[in-house]
Amino acid sequence: SGMEELPADFWEKHGKGIESWQQGGHTLYRITGPLVPSILTNEFVYLEPPGEAPFHANVKEIHGHTALLSTLKYYSHQNNNVWGITSRNR
């Protein structure tokens, strides 16, 4: 389907040793962990925990057991509208 929902414990299992930095208006994360072998390059991954800010990212590259994720703009939020229009889905 081109997209995969991340498990609720994603940050607990993949947050150890994570690298993150800002580049071109996006936050990039280099992750390692048990999920990496099952995701694909250019796949959309998301996590929408109740009561917290959603996490939407694109898998930029995979090298062995590490993956590079790049955050995406959240166009459902009024701050990121385009001519006053916001999206209603991911």
Protein backbone atom coordinates (compact mmCIF):
# COMPACT_ATOMS: atom_id res chain seq x y z
CA SER A 1 0.00 0.00 0.00
CA GLY A 2 3.03 2.28 0.24
CA MET A 3 2.42 3.14 3.87
CA GLU A 4 2.87 1.49 7.24
CA GLU A 5 1.65 2.43 10.70
CA LEU A 6 4.46 2.30 13.23
CA PRO A 7 3.85 0.31 16.43
CA ALA A 8 2.92 2.26 19.57
CA ASP A 9 6.25 1.31 21.18
CA PHE A 10 8.28 2.47 18.16
CA TRP A 11 10.31 5.11 20.04
CA GLU A 12 11.04 2.75 22.94
CA LYS A 13 12.38 0.02 20.64
CA HIS A 14 14.11 2.25 18.07
CA GLY A 15 15.05 5.35 20.08
CA LYS A 16 18.24 3.92 21.53
CA GLY A 17 21.22 5.32 19.65
CA ILE A 18 19.01 7.35 17.31
CA GLU A 19 20.63 10.20 15.39
CA SER A 20 18.55 13.25 14.43
CA TRP A 21 19.33 16.52 12.67
CA GLN A 22 17.64 19.31 10.72
CA GLN A 23 18.13 19.64 6.97
CA GLY A 24 16.14 21.65 4.44
CA GLY A 25 13.21 22.30 6.79
CA HIS A 26 12.83 18.62 7.71
CA THR A 27 14.03 16.57 10.65
CA LEU A 28 15.96 13.47 9.67
CA TYR A 29 16.26 10.39 11.89
CA ARG A 30 18.74 7.56 11.47
CA ILE A 31 17.22 4.57 13.26
CA THR A 32 18.17 0.98 13.96
CA GLY A 33 15.99 -1.75 15.39
CA PRO A 34 13.68 -4.68 14.67
CA LEU A 35 11.37 -2.75 12.31
CA VAL A 36 14.07 -1.72 9.82
CA PRO A 37 14.14 -4.99 7.80
CA SER A 38 10.38 -4.77 7.16
CA ILE A 39 10.20 -1.20 5.81
CA LEU A 40 10.96 -0.13 2.25
CA THR A 41 12.68 2.86 0.66
CA ASN A 42 10.16 5.63 -0.23
CA GLU A 43 7.53 4.09 2.05
CA PHE A 44 5.36 6.45 4.12
CA VAL A 45 5.45 5.62 7.85
CA TYR A 46 3.31 7.24 10.50
CA LEU A 47 2.50 7.17 14.19
CA GLU A 48 -0.57 8.93 15.57
CA PRO A 49 -0.62 8.41 19.35
CA PRO A 50 -3.81 9.65 21.02
CA GLY A 51 -3.36 13.05 22.64
CA GLU A 52 0.09 13.60 21.12
CA ALA A 53 1.43 15.19 17.95
CA PRO A 54 1.42 12.82 14.95
CA PHE A 55 4.67 11.64 13.36
CA HIS A 56 4.64 11.38 9.55
CA ALA A 57 7.83 10.45 7.69
CA ASN A 58 9.22 9.08 4.45
CA VAL A 59 11.87 6.35 4.38
CA LYS A 60 14.70 7.98 2.44
CA GLU A 61 17.23 5.15 2.45
CA ILE A 62 18.08 1.83 4.05
CA HIS A 63 21.63 0.57 4.60
CA GLY A 64 21.86 -2.81 6.30
CA HIS A 65 20.12 -2.52 9.66
CA THR A 66 19.75 1.27 9.62
CA ALA A 67 17.11 3.44 7.97
CA LEU A 68 16.93 7.16 7.31
CA LEU A 69 13.53 8.77 7.94
CA SER A 70 12.62 12.31 6.87
CA THR A 71 9.64 14.05 8.47
CA LEU A 72 6.86 15.41 6.30
CA LYS A 73 4.78 18.54 6.71
CA TYR A 74 1.51 17.92 8.52
CA TYR A 75 -0.99 19.59 6.18
CA SER A 76 -3.95 18.77 8.43
CA HIS A 77 -2.82 21.50 10.83
CA GLN A 78 -4.07 25.02 10.13
CA ASN A 79 -0.50 26.39 10.34
CA ASN A 80 0.45 24.43 7.18
CA ASN A 81 -2.64 25.20 5.10
CA VAL A 82 -2.41 25.95 1.41
CA TRP A 83 -4.62 28.92 0.51
CA GLY A 84 -6.70 28.18 3.61
CA ILE A 85 -7.19 24.52 2.68
CA THR A 86 -6.11 21.71 5.02
CA SER A 87 -6.06 17.98 4.37
CA ARG A 88 -8.49 15.64 6.13
CA ASN A 89 -6.35 12.50 5.91
CA ARG A 90 -2.71 11.50 5.97
